[in-house]
């Protein structure tokens, strides 16, 4: 049911910018190597927060474990998701390599997962991200199953699936 406000004949409707574009991003370290140690974790997350602030991305929540991160971002429509991910990963990877917080060569995996999030479930996704450590403490928990469930529950199709259907 809509709401209608009558206007006079000379009154123009001025459209404002309204958006509610939420995305849940996930990416891993190269070869899922456990590089995000306790010493690196919070400085890395602060760096990612700083990158988001500098680039005008609204980072709502970040968390993860030794080999991957989850981010919840309210996305301004002027930004392409691929550019957001490229900037965050690229700058944070360079920073991690230059920091003295890690002995190994720090590198993110090339790919990423992105799922659109309805504003009504943002609190649920935020809680999911917040509880990453708890989820991963379970012996039977693994990233492949997490990603598989993530994809299945989100009705995701891959670019490869789309290309196969087009051929």
Protein backbone atom coordinates (compact mmCIF):
# COMPACT_ATOMS: atom_id res chain seq x y z
CA UNK A 1 0.00 0.00 0.00
CA UNK A 2 1.47 3.35 -1.02
CA UNK A 3 1.13 6.84 0.32
CA UNK A 4 0.10 9.61 -2.03
CA UNK A 5 0.68 13.29 -1.40
CA UNK A 6 -1.32 15.44 -3.78
CA UNK A 7 0.60 18.28 -5.41
CA UNK A 8 -0.49 21.50 -6.96
CA UNK A 9 -0.30 21.97 -10.70
CA UNK A 10 2.92 24.06 -10.55
CA UNK A 11 4.71 21.92 -7.99
CA UNK A 12 7.53 19.68 -9.26
CA UNK A 13 8.58 16.45 -7.66
CA UNK A 14 12.25 16.56 -6.75
CA UNK A 15 13.83 13.14 -6.49
CA UNK A 16 16.37 12.72 -3.72
CA UNK A 17 19.00 10.00 -3.56
CA UNK A 18 17.81 7.09 -1.48
CA UNK A 19 19.51 3.76 -1.34
CA UNK A 20 19.83 0.75 0.90
CA UNK A 21 22.44 -1.41 -0.81
CA UNK A 22 24.02 -3.78 1.67
CA UNK A 23 26.64 -6.35 0.70
CA UNK A 24 28.32 -9.14 2.63
CA UNK A 25 31.85 -9.64 1.30
CA UNK A 26 34.12 -12.59 2.01
CA UNK A 27 37.64 -13.32 0.80
CA UNK A 28 40.51 -15.51 1.86
CA UNK A 29 44.25 -15.35 2.17
CA UNK A 30 46.20 -16.89 -0.71
CA UNK A 31 45.83 -20.68 -0.58
CA UNK A 32 43.88 -20.22 2.66
CA UNK A 33 47.14 -19.87 4.54
CA UNK A 34 46.47 -18.88 8.19
CA UNK A 35 48.22 -15.49 7.97
CA UNK A 36 45.84 -13.37 10.03
CA UNK A 37 47.41 -13.93 13.44
CA UNK A 38 46.16 -12.36 16.66
CA UNK A 39 48.97 -9.79 16.33
CA UNK A 40 47.88 -8.86 12.80
CA UNK A 41 44.10 -9.18 13.08
CA UNK A 42 43.07 -5.92 14.74
CA UNK A 43 45.71 -3.71 13.09
CA UNK A 44 44.60 -5.19 9.74
CA UNK A 45 40.94 -4.54 10.53
CA UNK A 46 41.78 -0.97 11.58
CA UNK A 47 43.63 -0.51 8.27
CA UNK A 48 40.60 -1.81 6.36
CA UNK A 49 38.38 0.60 8.35
CA UNK A 50 40.76 3.43 7.44
CA UNK A 51 40.70 2.45 3.75
CA UNK A 52 36.90 2.39 3.78
CA UNK A 53 36.72 5.79 5.46
CA UNK A 54 39.24 7.30 3.01
CA UNK A 55 37.37 5.85 0.01
CA UNK A 56 33.95 6.81 1.45
CA UNK A 57 32.74 3.21 1.77
CA UNK A 58 30.53 2.58 4.78
CA UNK A 59 32.03 -0.41 6.57
CA UNK A 60 29.45 -1.52 9.09
CA UNK A 61 31.19 -4.59 10.48
CA UNK A 62 34.32 -6.69 9.93
CA UNK A 63 35.53 -9.94 11.45
CA UNK A 64 37.02 -13.23 10.42
CA UNK A 65 39.57 -15.86 11.34
CA UNK A 66 43.14 -16.74 10.40
CA UNK A 67 42.46 -17.38 6.72
CA UNK A 68 39.51 -15.21 5.69
CA UNK A 69 37.54 -12.05 6.43
CA UNK A 70 33.89 -11.04 6.31
CA UNK A 71 32.80 -7.44 5.75
CA UNK A 72 29.33 -5.91 5.88
CA UNK A 73 29.21 -2.75 3.79
CA UNK A 74 26.44 -0.29 3.01
CA UNK A 75 27.33 0.49 -0.57
CA UNK A 76 26.82 3.84 -2.24
CA UNK A 77 25.55 3.15 -5.78
CA UNK A 78 28.36 5.29 -7.24
CA UNK A 79 30.82 2.50 -6.35
CA UNK A 80 31.18 -0.79 -8.20
CA UNK A 81 31.58 -3.78 -5.88
CA UNK A 82 34.60 -4.99 -7.86
CA UNK A 83 36.35 -1.63 -7.35
CA UNK A 84 35.54 -1.61 -3.64
CA UNK A 85 37.02 -5.10 -3.21
CA UNK A 86 40.04 -4.30 -5.39
CA UNK A 87 40.82 -1.18 -3.36
CA UNK A 88 40.35 -2.77 0.06
CA UNK A 89 42.30 -5.91 -0.81
CA UNK A 90 45.06 -4.13 -2.70
CA UNK A 91 45.77 -1.42 -0.15
CA UNK A 92 45.46 -3.73 2.87
CA UNK A 93 47.69 -6.36 1.25
CA UNK A 94 50.40 -3.77 0.55
CA UNK A 95 50.09 -2.44 4.11
CA UNK A 96 50.33 -5.96 5.63
CA UNK A 97 53.45 -6.72 3.59
CA UNK A 98 55.10 -3.48 4.70
CA UNK A 99 54.11 -3.84 8.35
CA UNK A 100 56.38 -5.74 10.67
CA UNK A 101 53.46 -7.64 12.16
CA UNK A 102 53.88 -10.74 10.00
CA UNK A 103 56.92 -12.72 8.93
CA UNK A 104 55.29 -14.51 5.98
CA UNK A 105 54.54 -12.93 2.63
CA UNK A 106 50.97 -11.64 2.97
CA UNK A 107 48.65 -12.11 0.02
CA UNK A 108 44.90 -12.23 -0.52
CA UNK A 109 43.35 -14.84 -2.80
CA UNK A 110 42.28 -13.41 -6.18
CA UNK A 111 38.55 -14.06 -5.85
CA UNK A 112 35.84 -13.03 -3.43
CA UNK A 113 32.21 -13.71 -2.62
CA UNK A 114 29.63 -10.95 -2.52
CA UNK A 115 26.04 -11.40 -1.45
CA UNK A 116 23.42 -8.68 -1.43
CA UNK A 117 21.74 -8.28 1.94
CA UNK A 118 18.18 -7.12 2.54
CA UNK A 119 18.08 -4.25 5.06
CA UNK A 120 15.70 -6.34 7.15
CA UNK A 121 18.39 -9.00 7.76
CA UNK A 122 21.38 -6.69 8.30
CA UNK A 123 21.34 -7.35 12.09
CA UNK A 124 21.35 -11.11 11.46
CA UNK A 125 24.31 -10.84 9.05
CA UNK A 126 26.14 -8.56 11.50
CA UNK A 127 25.68 -11.21 14.22
CA UNK A 128 26.88 -13.92 11.84
CA UNK A 129 30.05 -11.94 11.13
CA UNK A 130 30.51 -11.07 14.81
CA UNK A 131 30.42 -14.77 15.77
CA UNK A 132 33.03 -16.03 13.29
CA UNK A 133 35.48 -17.21 15.94
CA UNK A 134 32.76 -19.24 17.69
CA UNK A 135 31.63 -20.83 14.43
CA UNK A 136 35.18 -21.81 13.53
CA UNK A 137 35.96 -23.30 16.95
CA UNK A 138 33.62 -26.17 16.16
CA UNK A 139 35.63 -29.20 15.03
CA UNK A 140 33.35 -29.99 12.10
CA UNK A 141 33.34 -26.42 10.77
CA UNK A 142 35.28 -25.58 7.63
CA UNK A 143 35.38 -22.69 5.19
CA UNK A 144 34.30 -24.70 2.14
CA UNK A 145 31.11 -25.76 3.91
CA UNK A 146 30.56 -22.21 5.13
CA UNK A 147 30.91 -20.83 1.61
CA UNK A 148 28.76 -23.61 0.14
CA UNK A 149 25.99 -22.83 2.65
CA UNK A 150 26.47 -19.11 2.10
CA UNK A 151 26.00 -19.55 -1.65
CA UNK A 152 23.11 -22.05 -1.40
CA UNK A 153 21.14 -19.90 1.05
CA UNK A 154 21.61 -16.83 -1.10
CA UNK A 155 20.43 -18.29 -4.42
CA UNK A 156 23.80 -17.42 -5.91
CA UNK A 157 24.82 -18.42 -9.38
CA UNK A 158 28.37 -18.17 -10.61
CA UNK A 159 29.55 -16.41 -13.75
CA UNK A 160 30.57 -19.87 -15.03
CA UNK A 161 26.97 -21.11 -14.58
CA UNK A 162 25.65 -18.10 -16.51
CA UNK A 163 28.15 -18.62 -19.33
CA UNK A 164 27.26 -22.33 -19.58
CA UNK A 165 23.57 -21.45 -19.92
CA UNK A 166 24.32 -18.90 -22.64
CA UNK A 167 26.34 -21.36 -24.75
